[in-house]
């Protein structure tokens, strides 16, 4: 009975209760459309193309890197060769300057002696006509038989220089200029051509030496060694022999052969003690065999 009364009361309360308000309606037409829920996946062909292009770019970068490293190495080697040549030239210039300073005063004394000798010669030459005039006055009254005029000897005509020696000067200078300007391959070709055409000419010894220098600049050790040895063997009277021996010593030092280097450098100091090459050889010998400090007593 009580349960029925409760049900009736609840039914009456729900009938009299006010309805709950609904939420406002939202118009989505004013907002921009969003991205699609899912994008289309890239095809396998496109991925393969991208991977192939990436590998190609990597190969090109590696190739360019190799070229840059090669050029860097060549530039470094050229700088080393230039520094070696400049150091050699500087040493020679310093030695020549010292020699010129030592011979400046004796040269001045020799010039004075030459001037005095010239004055004596001029005085004697002026006295000869005067003596001839006095002799003519003394014998003027004597009858002199006409004498047959003596035959006058014609001065000997100078012999023309050998054509081969004259012809080799211009090609030698041209080859030397090429070497000095850094065109070593051209210089090598021209020096070899000159030596093949005129191996005993006036410039043959110098050409053989500078051929060795050109090979040395190109770091062709074997050819440089042969060229310098040819100067010593084929042109023993050439002024380039001590320089060739010096460069043979340099080559052996660079090739880590101190015994051979010592032999060549000693030949320079003993055989040509007053030469510039001997001074440079002495400095190199001190580097090979540095003086030992005496033990303290």
Protein backbone atom coordinates (compact mmCIF):
# COMPACT_ATOMS: atom_id res chain seq x y z
CA UNK A 1 0.00 0.00 0.00
CA UNK A 2 2.78 2.35 0.92
CA UNK A 3 4.69 1.55 -2.24
CA UNK A 4 1.73 2.52 -4.37
CA UNK A 5 1.43 5.87 -2.60
CA UNK A 6 5.09 6.59 -3.28
CA UNK A 7 4.70 5.80 -6.94
CA UNK A 8 1.73 8.17 -7.20
CA UNK A 9 3.68 10.99 -5.52
CA UNK A 10 6.64 10.54 -7.87
CA UNK A 11 4.38 10.57 -10.91
CA UNK A 12 2.76 13.80 -9.77
CA UNK A 13 6.15 15.47 -9.15
CA UNK A 14 7.52 14.59 -12.58
CA UNK A 15 4.39 15.90 -14.23
CA UNK A 16 4.71 19.30 -12.53
CA UNK A 17 8.56 19.63 -13.12
CA UNK A 18 9.88 22.09 -15.84
CA UNK A 19 11.79 20.63 -18.83
CA UNK A 20 15.64 21.22 -18.95
CA UNK A 21 16.91 23.71 -21.60
CA UNK A 22 18.66 22.31 -24.70
CA UNK A 23 22.24 23.53 -25.74
CA UNK A 24 22.42 26.14 -28.55
CA UNK A 25 22.87 24.91 -32.12
CA UNK A 26 26.27 25.54 -33.77
CA UNK A 27 26.61 26.36 -37.50
CA UNK A 28 29.81 24.74 -38.83
CA UNK A 29 29.41 26.25 -42.30
CA UNK A 30 31.32 29.42 -41.27
CA UNK A 31 34.56 27.55 -40.33
CA UNK A 32 37.18 26.53 -43.00
CA UNK A 33 37.38 22.95 -44.00
CA UNK A 34 40.08 21.04 -42.10
CA UNK A 35 42.63 18.66 -43.56
CA UNK A 36 41.46 15.32 -44.68
CA UNK A 37 41.47 12.64 -42.12
CA UNK A 38 44.17 10.70 -43.96
CA UNK A 39 46.67 11.78 -46.72
CA UNK A 40 47.51 9.66 -49.70
CA UNK A 41 50.78 7.70 -49.10
CA UNK A 42 53.76 8.36 -51.47
CA UNK A 43 54.23 5.76 -54.15
CA UNK A 44 57.23 3.39 -54.10
CA UNK A 45 58.45 4.76 -57.47
CA UNK A 46 58.84 8.29 -56.08
CA UNK A 47 60.87 7.02 -53.13
CA UNK A 48 63.20 5.08 -55.40
CA UNK A 49 63.75 8.17 -57.57
CA UNK A 50 64.63 10.27 -54.53
CA UNK A 51 67.04 7.65 -53.25
CA UNK A 52 68.74 7.39 -56.65
CA UNK A 53 69.12 11.15 -56.89
CA UNK A 54 70.58 11.27 -53.39
CA UNK A 55 73.16 8.62 -54.23
CA UNK A 56 74.10 10.50 -57.40
CA UNK A 57 74.64 13.71 -55.44
CA UNK A 58 76.80 11.88 -52.92
CA UNK A 59 78.96 10.45 -55.72
CA UNK A 60 79.41 13.93 -57.25
CA UNK A 61 80.38 15.38 -53.88
CA UNK A 62 82.97 12.64 -53.37
CA UNK A 63 84.39 13.27 -56.85
CA UNK A 64 84.69 17.00 -56.22
CA UNK A 65 86.29 16.36 -52.84
CA UNK A 66 88.88 14.13 -54.50
CA UNK A 67 89.72 16.83 -57.05
CA UNK A 68 90.08 19.46 -54.33
CA UNK A 69 92.44 17.21 -52.37
CA UNK A 70 94.48 16.52 -55.50
CA UNK A 71 94.82 20.23 -56.30
CA UNK A 72 95.76 20.96 -52.70
CA UNK A 73 98.52 18.34 -52.86
CA UNK A 74 99.87 19.74 -56.14
CA UNK A 75 99.91 23.28 -54.77
CA UNK A 76 101.73 22.11 -51.65
CA UNK A 77 104.37 20.31 -53.71
CA UNK A 78 104.87 23.35 -55.94
CA UNK A 79 105.38 25.54 -52.89
CA UNK A 80 107.98 23.09 -51.56
CA UNK A 81 109.87 23.09 -54.86
CA UNK A 82 109.79 26.87 -55.07
CA UNK A 83 111.00 27.28 -51.50
CA UNK A 84 113.87 24.87 -52.20
CA UNK A 85 114.92 26.76 -55.33
CA UNK A 86 114.65 30.15 -53.62
CA UNK A 87 116.71 28.92 -50.65
CA UNK A 88 119.38 27.67 -53.05
CA UNK A 89 119.46 30.99 -54.89
CA UNK A 90 119.60 32.98 -51.64
CA UNK A 91 122.59 30.99 -50.43
CA UNK A 92 124.41 31.57 -53.68
CA UNK A 93 123.70 35.30 -53.61
CA UNK A 94 125.00 35.57 -50.05
CA UNK A 95 128.22 33.78 -50.96
CA UNK A 96 128.74 35.99 -54.01
CA UNK A 97 128.17 39.14 -51.95
CA UNK A 98 130.82 38.05 -49.45
CA UNK A 99 133.27 37.38 -52.28
CA UNK A 100 132.59 40.77 -53.85
CA UNK A 101 133.19 42.54 -50.55
CA UNK A 102 136.53 40.75 -50.16
CA UNK A 103 137.74 41.63 -53.68
CA UNK A 104 136.57 45.25 -53.78
CA UNK A 105 139.81 46.77 -52.38
CA UNK A 106 142.26 44.66 -54.44
CA UNK A 107 140.28 45.57 -57.54
CA UNK A 108 140.74 49.26 -56.77
CA UNK A 109 144.54 48.77 -56.44
CA UNK A 110 144.67 46.91 -59.74
CA UNK A 111 142.82 49.77 -61.41
CA UNK A 112 145.47 52.21 -60.15
CA UNK A 113 148.27 50.02 -61.49
CA UNK A 114 146.57 49.81 -64.85
CA UNK A 115 146.27 53.60 -64.99
CA UNK A 116 150.00 54.01 -64.21
CA UNK A 117 150.96 51.46 -66.86
CA UNK A 118 148.78 53.23 -69.38
CA UNK A 119 150.49 56.56 -68.65
CA UNK A 120 153.93 54.96 -69.12
CA UNK A 121 152.83 53.45 -72.42
CA UNK A 122 151.53 56.77 -73.68
CA UNK A 123 154.79 58.52 -72.69
CA UNK A 124 156.89 55.95 -74.53
CA UNK A 125 154.68 56.21 -77.59
CA UNK A 126 155.10 59.99 -77.65
CA UNK A 127 158.90 59.69 -77.39
CA UNK A 128 159.25 57.43 -80.44
CA UNK A 129 158.31 60.10 -83.06
CA UNK A 130 160.74 62.58 -81.46
CA UNK A 131 163.60 60.10 -81.74
CA UNK A 132 162.77 59.49 -85.38
CA UNK A 133 162.92 63.25 -86.13
CA UNK A 134 166.40 63.59 -84.52
CA UNK A 135 167.69 60.65 -86.54
CA UNK A 136 166.44 62.28 -89.74
CA UNK A 137 168.23 65.56 -88.96
CA UNK A 138 171.55 63.77 -88.30
CA UNK A 139 171.54 61.83 -91.54
CA UNK A 140 170.03 64.61 -93.69
CA UNK A 141 173.31 65.50 -95.53
CA UNK A 142 174.19 61.94 -96.35
CA UNK A 143 173.30 60.43 -99.73
CA UNK A 144 170.88 57.68 -99.16
CA UNK A 145 170.23 55.09 -101.82
CA UNK A 146 166.59 54.64 -102.66
CA UNK A 147 165.34 51.68 -100.80
CA UNK A 148 162.81 49.25 -102.02
CA UNK A 149 159.62 49.76 -100.05
CA UNK A 150 159.05 46.89 -97.70
CA UNK A 151 156.04 44.76 -98.23
CA UNK A 152 153.29 45.58 -95.81
CA UNK A 153 151.66 42.57 -94.27
CA UNK A 154 147.92 42.66 -94.34
CA UNK A 155 146.29 42.02 -91.00
CA UNK A 156 145.01 38.51 -90.70
CA UNK A 157 141.29 38.34 -91.12
CA UNK A 158 139.49 36.95 -88.07
CA UNK A 159 138.29 33.42 -88.49
CA UNK A 160 134.55 33.06 -88.37
CA UNK A 161 133.20 31.33 -85.29
CA UNK A 162 131.89 27.81 -85.77
CA UNK A 163 128.35 27.88 -86.98
CA UNK A 164 127.28 25.23 -84.52
CA UNK A 165 128.33 27.25 -81.48
CA UNK A 166 126.60 30.36 -82.76
CA UNK A 167 123.48 28.45 -83.62
CA UNK A 168 123.21 26.96 -80.11
CA UNK A 169 123.15 30.27 -78.24
CA UNK A 170 119.62 31.27 -79.17
CA UNK A 171 117.97 27.88 -78.49
CA UNK A 172 119.91 27.61 -75.22
CA UNK A 173 118.66 31.00 -74.05
CA UNK A 174 115.13 30.14 -75.13
CA UNK A 175 115.19 26.88 -73.15
CA UNK A 176 116.70 28.60 -70.11
CA UNK A 177 113.99 31.28 -70.17
CA UNK A 178 111.33 28.58 -70.35
CA UNK A 179 112.77 26.92 -67.23
CA UNK A 180 113.03 30.21 -65.38
CA UNK A 181 109.39 30.98 -66.14
CA UNK A 182 108.23 27.62 -64.80
CA UNK A 183 107.67 25.80 -68.13
CA UNK A 184 109.73 22.78 -67.16
CA UNK A 185 108.34 20.36 -69.73
CA UNK A 186 109.09 22.79 -72.55
CA UNK A 187 112.58 23.43 -71.15
CA UNK A 188 113.33 19.70 -70.96
CA UNK A 189 112.31 19.21 -74.58
CA UNK A 190 114.40 22.14 -75.81
CA UNK A 191 117.51 21.27 -73.78
CA UNK A 192 117.40 17.67 -75.04
CA UNK A 193 116.97 18.88 -78.61
CA UNK A 194 119.96 21.23 -78.25
CA UNK A 195 122.15 18.46 -76.84
CA UNK A 196 121.16 16.01 -79.57
CA UNK A 197 122.03 18.51 -82.32
CA UNK A 198 125.20 19.95 -80.78
CA UNK A 199 126.50 17.72 -77.95
CA UNK A 200 129.99 19.28 -78.01
CA UNK A 201 128.94 22.89 -78.45
CA UNK A 202 129.83 25.88 -76.33
CA UNK A 203 126.60 25.67 -74.31
CA UNK A 204 126.36 21.89 -74.09
CA UNK A 205 127.69 21.64 -70.54
CA UNK A 206 125.34 24.32 -69.23
CA UNK A 207 122.41 22.82 -71.13
CA UNK A 208 123.11 19.41 -69.59
CA UNK A 209 123.18 20.93 -66.10
CA UNK A 210 119.93 22.88 -66.50
CA UNK A 211 118.31 19.78 -67.95
CA UNK A 212 119.05 18.11 -64.62
CA UNK A 213 117.56 21.09 -62.76
CA UNK A 214 114.38 20.84 -64.84
CA UNK A 215 114.07 17.14 -64.01
CA UNK A 216 114.66 17.92 -60.35
CA UNK A 217 111.87 20.52 -60.31
CA UNK A 218 109.55 17.89 -61.81
CA UNK A 219 110.69 15.48 -59.07
CA UNK A 220 111.99 13.01 -61.66
CA UNK A 221 114.82 11.81 -59.43
CA UNK A 222 116.31 9.18 -61.74
CA UNK A 223 116.42 11.48 -64.77
CA UNK A 224 117.88 14.31 -62.69
CA UNK A 225 120.60 12.03 -61.32
CA UNK A 226 121.52 10.87 -64.85
CA UNK A 227 121.60 14.43 -66.19
CA UNK A 228 123.88 15.74 -63.41
CA UNK A 229 126.15 12.70 -63.72
CA UNK A 230 126.43 13.38 -67.47
CA UNK A 231 127.78 16.87 -66.67
CA UNK A 232 130.57 15.36 -64.57
CA UNK A 233 131.36 12.54 -67.02
CA UNK A 234 130.91 14.21 -70.41
CA UNK A 235 131.92 17.81 -69.63
CA UNK A 236 134.71 17.64 -67.00
CA UNK A 237 136.03 21.08 -68.00
CA UNK A 238 132.64 22.78 -67.60
CA UNK A 239 132.15 25.37 -64.89
CA UNK A 240 128.98 23.52 -63.93
CA UNK A 241 130.77 20.41 -62.66
CA UNK A 242 130.93 21.52 -58.99
CA UNK A 243 127.26 22.56 -59.13
CA UNK A 244 126.33 19.19 -60.65
CA UNK A 245 128.19 17.34 -57.88
CA UNK A 246 126.44 19.52 -55.31
CA UNK A 247 123.01 18.69 -56.73
CA UNK A 248 123.87 14.99 -56.79
CA UNK A 249 124.60 15.32 -53.09
CA UNK A 250 121.26 17.09 -52.55
CA UNK A 251 119.43 14.28 -54.33
CA UNK A 252 121.07 11.62 -52.17
CA UNK A 253 120.16 13.57 -49.03
CA UNK A 254 116.53 13.71 -50.15
CA UNK A 255 116.64 9.97 -50.91
CA UNK A 256 117.98 9.19 -47.43
CA UNK A 257 121.40 8.04 -48.70
CA UNK A 258 123.80 9.96 -46.42
CA UNK A 259 126.86 7.93 -47.42
CA UNK A 260 126.49 8.76 -51.14
CA UNK A 261 125.60 12.35 -50.33
CA UNK A 262 128.76 12.70 -48.20
CA UNK A 263 130.86 11.33 -51.08
CA UNK A 264 129.51 13.83 -53.62
CA UNK A 265 129.72 16.80 -51.26
CA UNK A 266 133.26 15.92 -50.25
CA UNK A 267 134.28 15.85 -53.91
CA UNK A 268 133.03 19.41 -54.21
CA UNK A 269 134.87 20.71 -51.14
CA UNK A 270 138.13 18.93 -52.04
CA UNK A 271 138.14 19.40 -55.82
CA UNK A 272 136.70 22.92 -55.95
CA UNK A 273 137.47 24.50 -52.56
CA UNK A 274 137.07 28.14 -53.67
CA UNK A 275 133.74 27.71 -55.46
CA UNK A 276 130.31 28.74 -54.31
CA UNK A 277 129.25 25.11 -54.53
CA UNK A 278 131.98 24.18 -52.05
CA UNK A 279 130.61 26.65 -49.49
CA UNK A 280 127.11 25.19 -49.85
CA UNK A 281 128.46 21.64 -49.72
CA UNK A 282 130.24 22.42 -46.44
CA UNK A 283 126.96 23.55 -44.88
CA UNK A 284 125.23 20.35 -46.00
CA UNK A 285 128.06 18.21 -44.65
CA UNK A 286 127.59 19.79 -41.25
CA UNK A 287 123.95 18.74 -41.36
CA UNK A 288 124.87 15.17 -42.27
CA UNK A 289 127.72 14.89 -39.76
CA UNK A 290 127.09 17.46 -37.02
CA UNK A 291 130.14 18.19 -34.86
CA UNK A 292 130.19 16.14 -31.68
CA UNK A 293 130.58 17.93 -28.38
CA UNK A 294 133.82 17.00 -26.63
CA UNK A 295 133.29 15.38 -23.23
CA UNK A 296 134.00 17.72 -20.35
CA UNK A 297 137.06 16.84 -18.30
